[in-house]
Amino acid sequence: MFQDQARINVKAGDGGNGVVAFRREKYVPLGGPAGGNGGRGGHVYFVADPGLNTLSSFHNQLVYRAGRGGHGEGANRTGASGEDLYIPVPPGTVVRNAETGEVVVDITHAGQKVLLARGGQGGRGNTVFKSAQNKAPRIAENGTKGEEFALELELKLVADVGIIGVPNAGKSTLLSVVSSAKPKIADYPFTTLIPNLGVAEVRHRQIVLADIPGLLEGAHDGIGLGLEFLRHIERTRILIHLLNGDSPDPLGDFEAINQELALFNPALIDKPQIVVLNKMDLPHARAIWPEVEQAVQARGLPVMAISAATHQNLVELLDRVQVMLDALPVPEETDKPQTLPEIEAPRDDKAFQIYRLGEHTWMIEGTAIERVAHQTQWTYYEAAMRFQRILKAMGIFDALREAGVQDGDKVRMGDIELVWGYENVDGA
């Protein structure tokens, strides 16, 4: 099934924990610290796969997780890095932050690689904390958490040519006879419920065409199927504007569709168009052709007449389309994978805020202090004392005291909750 929108969650791997360990060889009974660092958590990437043209796979799986970093070990052994996760997506995928609606990245070409979520850092083992004052530290860190985001995906098909027009203009028939595509075809409005892609061969060259489901007046407001599929026109380089030769007013249809394009995105009206009157096998189409030709030429647009049903002038149409494509600037494209910036903007890591949640409960929010609280291995006394020293150095201790924290109050930082005690903190 064709799907052009999806919402997923991505979670990078958490970093592995550092460990407290000491050398204990046979002839080194009082060896120094030998605790290794934890490994990095796995990153999450999107990779543009030209073999895909739908987001349907994302409706079967909603959560994607990279591997967790391995924990450190004795003998200064560092934990293994978590396995990176590469998620294939079709070229033309727009990625947005689901919470803010901000566009994170626009994936446009095959092979493009985008870093979406960074894995957490591995925690440090006790070897790192050795000093002249503390030659046998009993302190290590937990790994940091990997980034996690809710993302909205939107697919805008990447094609050289978009075939547009009112319902029953013959778009699907045209696509089927110039390519190997097999869209559903019938003589009633909205036979085509999904965009279809096809590849036409033109003198040993290929043209990718997209059949956009029928547009009608009001499409930009969601009437008919327009709003769902107008986005796919934005990626095309030129448009074949197919007119229904059996319509009572083909020129009126032409004006209405162009108006819808302009209302949805003003830039679409400036996209190169070739206007094509279809169904020249019918008497009515042949009768109105001179009027249509004259009116379109007066607007400065190329125009021609075809019959998709009898294959009349189809080779000529593809030749003219190829000439138009050749006249356009060559789109920039590279086969080299790219790694784009992380989702979140730079921030002040050391900033913090204090909230009173209840009579005896406080909340501290801040990137750095929440990270340190998570990394602290609370089973080790030295680690708890180090955390208290960090509270003092960052000014959080004084800020809490000024806010009115009392001995015995609960203080939360991320997923860590502590009981406040002046005696311990003052003595740190």
Protein backbone atom coordinates (compact mmCIF):
# COMPACT_ATOMS: atom_id res chain seq x y z
CA MET A 1 0.00 0.00 0.00
CA PHE A 2 1.24 3.50 -0.83
CA GLN A 3 1.82 5.65 2.26
CA ASP A 4 3.24 9.16 2.12
CA GLN A 5 3.00 10.12 5.80
CA ALA A 6 4.14 8.41 9.01
CA ARG A 7 5.06 9.14 12.61
CA ILE A 8 7.79 7.20 14.42
CA ASN A 9 10.02 7.35 17.50
CA VAL A 10 13.79 6.93 17.26
CA LYS A 11 15.99 6.13 20.25
CA ALA A 12 19.76 6.14 20.14
CA GLY A 13 21.58 3.66 22.37
CA ASP A 14 22.52 4.54 25.94
CA GLY A 15 26.19 4.63 26.80
CA GLY A 16 27.61 1.74 28.80
CA ASN A 17 28.57 2.18 32.46
CA GLY A 18 32.11 2.57 33.71
CA VAL A 19 33.21 0.18 36.46
CA VAL A 20 35.16 0.21 39.69
CA ALA A 21 37.90 -2.44 39.54
CA PHE A 22 41.46 -2.94 40.78
CA ARG A 23 44.44 -4.95 39.65
CA ARG A 24 44.55 -8.27 41.46
CA GLU A 25 47.34 -10.25 39.84
CA LYS A 26 49.12 -12.90 41.88
CA TYR A 27 52.14 -10.75 42.63
CA VAL A 28 50.30 -7.41 42.77
CA PRO A 29 47.98 -7.81 45.77
CA LEU A 30 47.42 -4.05 46.14
CA GLY A 31 47.32 -3.01 42.50
CA GLY A 32 45.91 0.33 41.39
CA PRO A 33 42.54 1.09 39.78
CA ALA A 34 41.77 -0.80 36.58
CA GLY A 35 38.10 -0.05 35.84
CA GLY A 36 37.37 0.44 32.13
CA ASN A 37 35.08 2.97 30.48
CA GLY A 38 31.69 2.12 29.05
CA GLY A 39 31.18 2.02 25.29
CA ARG A 40 29.33 4.62 23.23
CA GLY A 41 25.67 4.01 22.47
CA GLY A 42 24.68 3.42 18.85
CA HIS A 43 23.60 6.32 16.62
CA VAL A 44 20.42 6.36 14.52
CA TYR A 45 20.71 7.31 10.84
CA PHE A 46 18.32 7.70 7.90
CA VAL A 47 19.71 6.55 4.56
CA ALA A 48 18.01 7.38 1.26
CA ASP A 49 17.30 4.18 -0.67
CA PRO A 50 16.35 4.75 -4.34
CA GLY A 51 14.59 1.38 -4.36
CA LEU A 52 11.87 2.72 -2.06
CA ASN A 53 8.97 4.98 -3.07
CA THR A 54 6.61 4.70 -0.09
CA LEU A 55 6.62 5.05 3.70
CA SER A 56 4.44 1.97 4.20
CA SER A 57 7.09 0.09 6.23
CA PHE A 58 6.84 2.72 8.96
CA HIS A 59 3.24 1.77 9.62
CA ASN A 60 4.34 -1.70 10.70
CA GLN A 61 7.08 -0.52 13.06
CA LEU A 62 6.75 2.66 15.10
CA VAL A 63 9.81 2.54 17.39
CA TYR A 64 13.42 2.23 16.22
CA ARG A 65 16.28 1.69 18.69
CA ALA A 66 20.03 1.57 18.23
CA GLY A 67 22.22 -0.73 20.35
CA ARG A 68 23.36 0.07 23.87
CA GLY A 69 27.05 0.50 24.63
CA GLY A 70 28.74 -2.30 26.56
CA HIS A 71 29.80 -1.78 30.16
CA GLY A 72 33.45 -1.34 31.00
CA GLU A 73 35.39 -4.23 32.51
CA GLY A 74 38.40 -4.80 34.70
CA ALA A 75 41.95 -4.61 33.35
CA ASN A 76 40.99 -1.23 31.82
CA ARG A 77 38.86 -2.87 29.14
CA THR A 78 36.48 -0.44 27.43
CA GLY A 79 32.97 -1.66 26.66
CA ALA A 80 32.01 -2.27 23.04
CA SER A 81 30.24 0.54 21.16
CA GLY A 82 26.53 0.01 20.57
CA GLU A 83 25.47 -1.00 17.08
CA ASP A 84 24.43 1.94 14.91
CA LEU A 85 20.97 1.74 13.32
CA TYR A 86 20.51 2.63 9.64
CA ILE A 87 16.88 3.18 8.60
CA PRO A 88 16.19 3.19 4.82
CA VAL A 89 13.79 5.84 3.52
CA PRO A 90 12.79 6.84 -0.02
CA PRO A 91 14.40 9.92 -1.57
CA GLY A 92 12.03 12.84 -1.16
CA THR A 93 11.35 12.23 2.55
CA VAL A 94 10.88 15.34 4.69
CA VAL A 95 11.64 14.75 8.39
CA ARG A 96 10.04 16.97 11.04
CA ASN A 97 10.31 17.12 14.80
CA ALA A 98 6.85 15.92 15.85
CA GLU A 99 6.80 18.15 18.93
CA THR A 100 7.78 21.44 17.28
CA GLY A 101 6.85 20.85 13.63
CA GLU A 102 10.31 22.08 12.64
CA VAL A 103 11.87 20.52 9.54
CA VAL A 104 14.91 18.54 10.65
CA VAL A 105 16.13 17.52 7.22
CA ASP A 106 14.91 17.17 3.65
CA ILE A 107 16.30 13.95 2.16
CA THR A 108 16.50 14.46 -1.58
CA HIS A 109 19.05 12.18 -3.23
CA ALA A 110 20.12 8.56 -3.22
CA GLY A 111 22.84 7.64 -0.75
CA GLN A 112 22.25 10.65 1.51
CA LYS A 113 22.91 9.69 5.14
CA VAL A 114 21.47 11.73 7.99
CA LEU A 115 22.39 11.47 11.66
CA LEU A 116 19.10 11.76 13.56
CA ALA A 117 19.87 10.73 17.14
CA ARG A 118 23.26 10.51 18.80
CA GLY A 119 24.19 7.65 21.09
CA GLY A 120 25.00 8.34 24.73
CA GLN A 121 28.57 8.63 25.93
CA GLY A 122 30.10 5.78 27.88
CA GLY A 123 30.63 6.35 31.59
CA ARG A 124 34.18 6.61 32.91
CA GLY A 125 35.73 3.86 34.99
CA ASN A 126 37.62 4.46 38.22
CA THR A 127 41.00 4.52 36.46
CA VAL A 128 40.12 7.99 35.14
CA PHE A 129 39.59 9.35 38.66
CA LYS A 130 43.01 8.32 40.00
CA SER A 131 45.00 11.25 41.37
CA ALA A 132 47.90 11.95 43.70
CA GLN A 133 45.40 12.56 46.50
CA ASN A 134 43.24 9.52 45.73
CA LYS A 135 45.26 6.59 44.41
CA ALA A 136 42.47 4.04 44.85
CA PRO A 137 39.24 5.83 43.85
CA ARG A 138 35.99 3.97 44.32
CA ILE A 139 34.03 5.99 41.83
CA ALA A 140 32.74 5.41 38.31
CA GLU A 141 30.06 6.89 36.07
CA ASN A 142 26.97 5.55 34.39
CA GLY A 143 26.73 6.09 30.66
CA THR A 144 24.57 8.98 29.40
CA LYS A 145 21.26 8.37 27.70
CA GLY A 146 20.98 8.29 23.93
CA GLU A 147 18.89 10.96 22.24
CA GLU A 148 15.24 10.17 21.62
CA PHE A 149 12.86 11.97 19.26
CA ALA A 150 9.34 11.69 17.92
CA LEU A 151 9.49 12.33 14.17
CA GLU A 152 6.93 12.98 11.45
CA LEU A 153 7.81 11.78 7.97
CA GLU A 154 6.30 13.14 4.79
CA LEU A 155 7.12 11.82 1.34
CA LYS A 156 7.22 14.07 -1.68
CA LEU A 157 7.87 11.90 -4.71
CA VAL A 158 11.00 12.68 -6.66
CA ALA A 159 10.22 12.60 -10.39
CA ASP A 160 11.34 14.43 -13.51
CA VAL A 161 7.80 14.98 -14.74
CA GLY A 162 4.49 15.34 -12.95
CA ILE A 163 1.31 14.57 -14.90
CA ILE A 164 -1.51 16.78 -13.62
CA GLY A 165 -5.07 17.50 -14.66
CA VAL A 166 -8.71 17.08 -13.70
CA PRO A 167 -10.15 13.63 -12.97
CA ASN A 168 -10.65 11.52 -16.11
CA ALA A 169 -8.17 13.54 -18.17
CA GLY A 170 -6.36 10.28 -18.97
CA LYS A 171 -3.26 10.67 -16.78
CA SER A 172 -3.10 7.02 -15.72
CA THR A 173 -3.62 5.85 -19.29
CA LEU A 174 -0.81 8.09 -20.49
CA LEU A 175 1.54 6.82 -17.79
CA SER A 176 0.69 3.20 -18.55
CA VAL A 177 1.42 3.45 -22.27
CA VAL A 178 4.69 5.40 -22.02
CA SER A 179 6.13 3.31 -19.17
CA SER A 180 5.85 -0.09 -17.54
CA ALA A 181 3.62 1.28 -14.76
CA LYS A 182 0.28 -0.47 -14.29
CA PRO A 183 -2.03 1.99 -12.54
CA LYS A 184 -5.71 1.24 -12.01
CA ILE A 185 -7.70 2.70 -14.91
CA ALA A 186 -11.46 3.17 -15.23
CA ASP A 187 -13.91 5.73 -16.61
CA TYR A 188 -15.02 7.42 -13.40
CA PRO A 189 -13.60 10.21 -11.22
CA PHE A 190 -10.83 9.44 -8.75
CA THR A 191 -9.95 6.04 -10.17
CA THR A 192 -6.40 6.93 -9.12
CA LEU A 193 -6.26 7.16 -5.35
CA ILE A 194 -2.47 7.13 -5.04
CA PRO A 195 0.39 8.68 -7.02
CA ASN A 196 1.98 6.28 -9.48
CA LEU A 197 5.55 6.32 -10.75
CA GLY A 198 6.72 5.13 -14.13
CA VAL A 199 9.96 5.25 -16.14
CA ALA A 200 9.82 6.07 -19.84
CA GLU A 201 12.65 5.31 -22.29
CA VAL A 202 13.43 8.20 -24.63
CA ARG A 203 16.16 7.44 -27.15
CA HIS A 204 18.17 5.39 -24.61
CA ARG A 205 17.53 7.86 -21.81
CA GLN A 206 15.13 7.55 -18.91
CA ILE A 207 12.45 9.94 -17.68
CA VAL A 208 10.72 9.35 -14.34
CA LEU A 209 7.06 10.35 -14.48
CA ALA A 210 4.56 10.68 -11.62
CA ASP A 211 0.82 10.44 -12.21
CA ILE A 212 -0.74 12.76 -9.63
CA PRO A 213 -4.35 11.88 -8.66
CA GLY A 214 -6.97 14.14 -10.19
CA LEU A 215 -7.16 17.69 -8.95
CA LEU A 216 -10.24 19.86 -8.95
CA GLU A 217 -11.33 23.29 -7.80
CA GLY A 218 -10.81 23.61 -4.03
CA ALA A 219 -8.00 21.03 -3.91
CA HIS A 220 -5.77 23.36 -1.84
CA ASP A 221 -8.50 23.36 0.84
CA GLY A 222 -8.67 19.58 0.94
CA ILE A 223 -11.58 19.09 -1.46
CA GLY A 224 -11.39 15.83 -3.38
CA LEU A 225 -7.91 14.30 -3.10
CA GLY A 226 -5.93 17.46 -3.84
CA LEU A 227 -4.49 18.40 -0.50
CA GLU A 228 -3.05 14.90 0.04
CA PHE A 229 -1.14 14.87 -3.25
CA LEU A 230 -0.33 18.45 -4.23
CA ARG A 231 2.91 18.07 -2.24
CA HIS A 232 4.19 15.52 -4.77
CA ILE A 233 4.14 18.13 -7.54
CA GLU A 234 6.74 20.22 -5.70
CA ARG A 235 9.54 17.72 -6.42
CA THR A 236 8.97 17.48 -10.19
CA ARG A 237 11.06 19.49 -12.62
CA ILE A 238 8.35 20.03 -15.24
CA LEU A 239 4.61 19.37 -15.53
CA ILE A 240 2.55 17.74 -18.24
CA HIS A 241 -0.78 19.48 -17.87
CA LEU A 242 -3.18 17.00 -19.43
CA LEU A 243 -6.51 18.37 -20.64
CA ASN A 244 -9.57 16.17 -21.11
CA GLY A 245 -10.52 16.45 -24.76
CA ASP A 246 -14.00 15.19 -23.90
CA SER A 247 -14.61 17.97 -21.34
CA PRO A 248 -17.20 20.69 -22.10
CA ASP A 249 -14.61 23.32 -21.17
CA PRO A 250 -10.96 22.15 -21.32
CA LEU A 251 -9.65 25.71 -21.04
CA GLY A 252 -11.75 26.29 -17.94
CA ASP A 253 -10.27 23.13 -16.45
CA PHE A 254 -6.80 24.39 -17.32
CA GLU A 255 -7.35 27.71 -15.52
CA ALA A 256 -8.89 26.02 -12.46
CA ILE A 257 -5.98 23.62 -11.99
CA ASN A 258 -3.41 26.39 -12.36
CA GLN A 259 -5.27 28.42 -9.76
CA GLU A 260 -5.14 25.51 -7.34
CA LEU A 261 -1.39 25.17 -7.88
CA ALA A 262 -0.88 28.86 -7.13
CA LEU A 263 -3.04 28.76 -4.00
CA PHE A 264 -1.20 25.71 -2.62
CA ASN A 265 2.29 27.01 -3.42
CA PRO A 266 2.84 30.10 -5.61
CA ALA A 267 6.15 28.67 -6.84
CA LEU A 268 4.30 25.83 -8.61
CA ILE A 269 2.73 28.17 -11.16
CA ASP A 270 6.24 29.09 -12.37
CA LYS A 271 7.22 25.45 -12.88
CA PRO A 272 7.66 24.69 -16.63
CA GLN A 273 4.51 23.19 -18.18
CA ILE A 274 3.64 21.58 -21.45
CA VAL A 275 -0.11 21.61 -22.08
CA VAL A 276 -1.43 18.46 -23.77
CA LEU A 277 -4.95 17.94 -25.08
CA ASN A 278 -5.77 14.26 -24.76
CA LYS A 279 -8.38 12.00 -26.45
CA MET A 280 -7.82 13.21 -30.01
CA ASP A 281 -9.45 9.94 -31.09
CA LEU A 282 -12.80 11.56 -30.16
CA PRO A 283 -14.62 13.99 -32.51
CA HIS A 284 -15.21 16.56 -29.78
CA ALA A 285 -11.51 16.77 -28.98
CA ARG A 286 -10.60 17.26 -32.62
CA ALA A 287 -13.23 19.98 -32.93
CA ILE A 288 -11.98 22.07 -30.00
CA TRP A 289 -8.26 21.53 -30.65
CA PRO A 290 -7.72 24.73 -32.73
CA GLU A 291 -9.28 26.87 -29.98
CA VAL A 292 -7.23 25.20 -27.26
CA GLU A 293 -4.00 25.47 -29.26
CA GLN A 294 -4.50 29.17 -29.94
CA ALA A 295 -5.44 30.01 -26.32
CA VAL A 296 -2.48 28.14 -24.79
CA GLN A 297 0.02 29.56 -27.27
CA ALA A 298 -1.26 33.03 -26.38
CA ARG A 299 -0.16 32.32 -22.81
CA GLY A 300 3.34 31.51 -24.04
CA LEU A 301 3.19 27.81 -23.16
CA PRO A 302 4.08 24.83 -25.39
CA VAL A 303 1.00 22.84 -26.42
CA MET A 304 0.30 19.68 -28.38
CA ALA A 305 -2.47 17.15 -28.94
CA ILE A 306 -2.31 13.39 -28.31
CA SER A 307 -4.41 10.29 -27.89
CA ALA A 308 -3.12 8.10 -25.08
CA ALA A 309 -5.63 5.41 -26.08
CA THR A 310 -4.35 5.12 -29.69
CA HIS A 311 -0.74 6.19 -28.91
CA GLN A 312 -1.04 9.20 -31.25
CA ASN A 313 1.90 11.65 -30.89
CA LEU A 314 3.28 9.96 -27.76
CA VAL A 315 6.82 9.69 -29.10
CA GLU A 316 6.69 13.36 -30.07
CA LEU A 317 5.44 14.24 -26.58
CA LEU A 318 8.31 12.41 -24.86
CA ASP A 319 10.83 14.03 -27.22
CA ARG A 320 9.52 17.50 -26.34
CA VAL A 321 9.58 16.67 -22.63
CA GLN A 322 13.20 15.54 -22.90
CA VAL A 323 14.14 18.78 -24.67
CA MET A 324 12.49 20.77 -21.87
CA LEU A 325 14.35 18.78 -19.24
CA ASP A 326 17.66 19.26 -21.03
CA ALA A 327 17.09 23.02 -21.04
CA LEU A 328 16.78 23.15 -17.24
CA PRO A 329 19.76 23.48 -14.89
CA VAL A 330 21.16 20.12 -13.84
CA PRO A 331 20.02 19.39 -10.27
CA GLU A 332 22.83 19.08 -7.75
CA GLU A 333 23.28 15.52 -6.60
CA THR A 334 26.02 13.55 -4.96
CA ASP A 335 26.52 9.89 -4.25
CA LYS A 336 28.51 10.68 -1.13
CA PRO A 337 26.58 10.12 2.10
CA GLN A 338 26.05 13.20 4.22
CA THR A 339 25.84 13.56 7.95
CA LEU A 340 23.72 16.56 8.86
CA PRO A 341 23.69 18.48 12.13
CA GLU A 342 21.93 17.11 15.18
CA ILE A 343 18.27 17.94 15.70
CA GLU A 344 18.54 20.16 18.73
CA ALA A 345 20.06 23.63 18.59
CA PRO A 346 23.05 24.45 20.78
CA ARG A 347 22.05 25.18 24.36
CA ASP A 348 23.54 26.38 27.67
CA ASP A 349 24.33 23.05 29.33
CA LYS A 350 25.04 24.57 32.74
CA ALA A 351 21.82 26.57 33.02
CA PHE A 352 19.27 25.25 35.51
CA GLN A 353 15.89 26.08 36.97
CA ILE A 354 14.40 25.18 40.35
CA TYR A 355 10.68 24.46 40.84
CA ARG A 356 8.74 23.72 44.01
CA LEU A 357 6.43 20.78 43.34
CA GLY A 358 4.96 20.53 46.83
CA GLU A 359 5.56 21.48 50.44
CA HIS A 360 8.56 19.18 50.71
CA THR A 361 9.41 18.36 47.07
CA TRP A 362 11.65 20.25 44.63
CA MET A 363 12.58 19.80 40.99
CA ILE A 364 15.86 20.88 39.40
CA GLU A 365 15.84 21.06 35.59
CA GLY A 366 19.05 21.54 33.65
CA THR A 367 20.93 19.62 30.97
CA ALA A 368 24.24 19.33 32.79
CA ILE A 369 22.98 18.58 36.31
CA GLU A 370 20.46 15.99 35.07
CA ARG A 371 23.23 14.30 33.08
CA VAL A 372 25.57 14.23 36.08
CA ALA A 373 22.81 12.89 38.34
CA HIS A 374 22.13 10.10 35.86
CA GLN A 375 25.83 9.28 35.51
CA THR A 376 26.47 9.10 39.26
CA GLN A 377 26.69 5.58 40.64
CA TRP A 378 25.01 6.18 43.98
CA THR A 379 26.15 2.92 45.58
CA TYR A 380 29.64 4.43 45.97
CA TYR A 381 30.13 6.98 48.76
CA GLU A 382 32.84 8.81 46.81
CA ALA A 383 30.49 9.24 43.86
CA ALA A 384 27.81 10.82 46.08
CA MET A 385 30.35 13.22 47.56
CA ARG A 386 31.56 14.18 44.09
CA PHE A 387 27.97 14.94 43.08
CA GLN A 388 27.57 17.25 46.07
CA ARG A 389 30.74 19.10 45.13
CA ILE A 390 29.33 19.58 41.63
CA LEU A 391 26.12 21.01 43.13
CA LYS A 392 28.20 23.59 44.97
CA ALA A 393 30.37 24.43 41.96
CA MET A 394 27.34 25.03 39.72
CA GLY A 395 25.63 27.26 42.28
CA ILE A 396 22.71 24.87 42.71
CA PHE A 397 23.39 24.36 46.40
CA ASP A 398 23.11 28.10 47.15
CA ALA A 399 20.10 28.48 44.87
CA LEU A 400 18.22 25.70 46.66
CA ARG A 401 19.04 27.18 50.05
CA GLU A 402 17.77 30.62 48.92
CA ALA A 403 14.60 29.01 47.55
CA GLY A 404 13.87 27.56 50.99
CA VAL A 405 14.81 23.90 50.82
CA GLN A 406 14.68 22.19 54.22
CA ASP A 407 16.49 19.23 55.69
CA GLY A 408 14.54 16.10 54.71
CA ASP A 409 12.95 17.59 51.56
CA LYS A 410 12.98 15.53 48.38
CA VAL A 411 14.95 16.92 45.41
CA ARG A 412 14.42 15.49 41.92
CA MET A 413 16.78 15.74 38.94
CA GLY A 414 15.56 13.83 35.91
CA ASP A 415 14.81 10.28 37.08
CA ILE A 416 16.90 10.66 40.27
CA GLU A 417 15.32 11.61 43.62
CA LEU A 418 17.44 12.49 46.66
CA VAL A 419 16.72 13.48 50.25
CA TRP A 420 18.26 16.83 51.09
CA GLY A 421 20.53 17.03 54.13
CA TYR A 422 22.53 20.11 55.07
CA GLU A 423 25.00 18.23 57.20
CA ASN A 424 26.23 16.07 54.33
CA VAL A 425 26.31 18.90 51.82
CA ASP A 426 28.06 21.38 54.06
CA GLY A 427 30.68 18.79 54.86
CA ALA A 428 31.34 17.95 51.22
